[in-house]
Amino acid sequence: MSTIVEPQTATTVAKVIEISAESPESFEDAIRRGIEKAAGTVHDIRSAWVKEQQVKVADGHVVGFRVDLKITFVLD
């Protein structure tokens, strides 16, 4: 008598969160700061994409860069 063994498939469940991050330097720095901060409490971050970019202006000069990010991570 033979036993049929079904192949095991791994199921991955991911979650997407939205965060905002700011930097006085650049959009790239704001992205980096946001991901590094999120990685302190969210594990297994797989990707991020920029939803929106904004600049802060004071006296006619750009004084800050803000990004709204969507971050995808895998649940344990």
Protein backbone atom coordinates (compact mmCIF):
# COMPACT_ATOMS: atom_id res chain seq x y z
CA MET A 1 0.00 0.00 0.00
CA SER A 2 1.46 3.36 -0.98
CA THR A 3 0.91 6.66 0.73
CA ILE A 4 0.43 9.78 -1.31
CA VAL A 5 2.33 12.72 0.11
CA GLU A 6 1.04 16.14 -0.84
CA PRO A 7 3.76 18.74 -1.40
CA GLN A 8 3.96 21.36 1.33
CA THR A 9 3.61 24.94 0.21
CA ALA A 10 4.80 27.85 2.29
CA THR A 11 2.31 30.63 2.78
CA THR A 12 3.59 34.11 3.41
CA VAL A 13 1.35 36.80 4.81
CA ALA A 14 2.43 40.40 4.44
CA LYS A 15 1.10 43.61 5.90
CA VAL A 16 1.35 47.17 4.58
CA ILE A 17 1.60 50.17 6.90
CA GLU A 18 1.85 53.86 6.11
CA ILE A 19 4.35 56.16 7.78
CA SER A 20 5.54 59.74 7.35
CA ALA A 21 9.16 60.77 7.69
CA GLU A 22 10.99 64.09 7.50
CA SER A 23 14.51 65.30 6.86
CA PRO A 24 16.14 68.70 6.60
CA GLU A 25 18.50 67.28 3.93
CA SER A 26 16.62 65.49 1.11
CA PHE A 27 13.81 63.15 0.11
CA GLU A 28 16.29 60.28 0.01
CA ASP A 29 17.37 61.00 3.58
CA ALA A 30 13.72 61.19 4.70
CA ILE A 31 13.08 57.77 3.12
CA ARG A 32 16.15 56.29 4.80
CA ARG A 33 15.20 57.75 8.20
CA GLY A 34 11.64 56.48 7.93
CA ILE A 35 12.65 52.93 7.04
CA GLU A 36 15.33 52.82 9.74
CA LYS A 37 12.87 54.05 12.37
CA ALA A 38 10.20 51.54 11.28
CA ALA A 39 12.76 48.71 11.35
CA GLY A 40 13.20 49.33 15.07
CA THR A 41 9.74 47.90 15.78
CA VAL A 42 8.65 46.18 12.55
CA HIS A 43 10.60 43.12 11.48
CA ASP A 44 11.20 41.59 8.05
CA ILE A 45 10.55 44.72 5.98
CA ARG A 46 10.54 43.64 2.35
CA SER A 47 9.79 46.82 0.42
CA ALA A 48 8.67 50.41 0.58
CA TRP A 49 7.27 52.85 -1.90
CA VAL A 50 6.79 56.57 -1.80
CA LYS A 51 3.14 57.53 -1.80
CA GLU A 52 3.67 61.29 -1.62
CA GLN A 53 6.42 63.89 -1.33
CA GLN A 54 6.17 67.37 0.16
CA VAL A 55 8.56 70.16 0.98
CA LYS A 56 8.40 72.64 3.83
CA VAL A 57 9.07 76.22 2.81
CA ALA A 58 10.02 79.16 5.03
CA ASP A 59 10.90 82.63 3.77
CA GLY A 60 10.98 81.37 0.19
CA HIS A 61 13.46 78.59 0.91
CA VAL A 62 13.03 74.83 1.20
CA VAL A 63 13.68 73.94 4.84
CA GLY A 64 12.46 70.34 4.99
CA PHE A 65 11.54 67.27 3.00
CA ARG A 66 8.65 64.97 3.90
CA VAL A 67 7.66 61.60 2.45
CA ASP A 68 4.65 59.42 3.06
CA LEU A 69 5.73 55.79 2.67
CA LYS A 70 3.94 52.49 2.38
CA ILE A 71 6.05 49.77 3.95
CA THR A 72 5.49 46.05 3.36
CA PHE A 73 6.65 43.49 5.91
CA VAL A 74 6.08 39.77 6.43
CA LEU A 75 4.17 38.63 9.49
CA ASP A 76 5.76 36.02 11.77
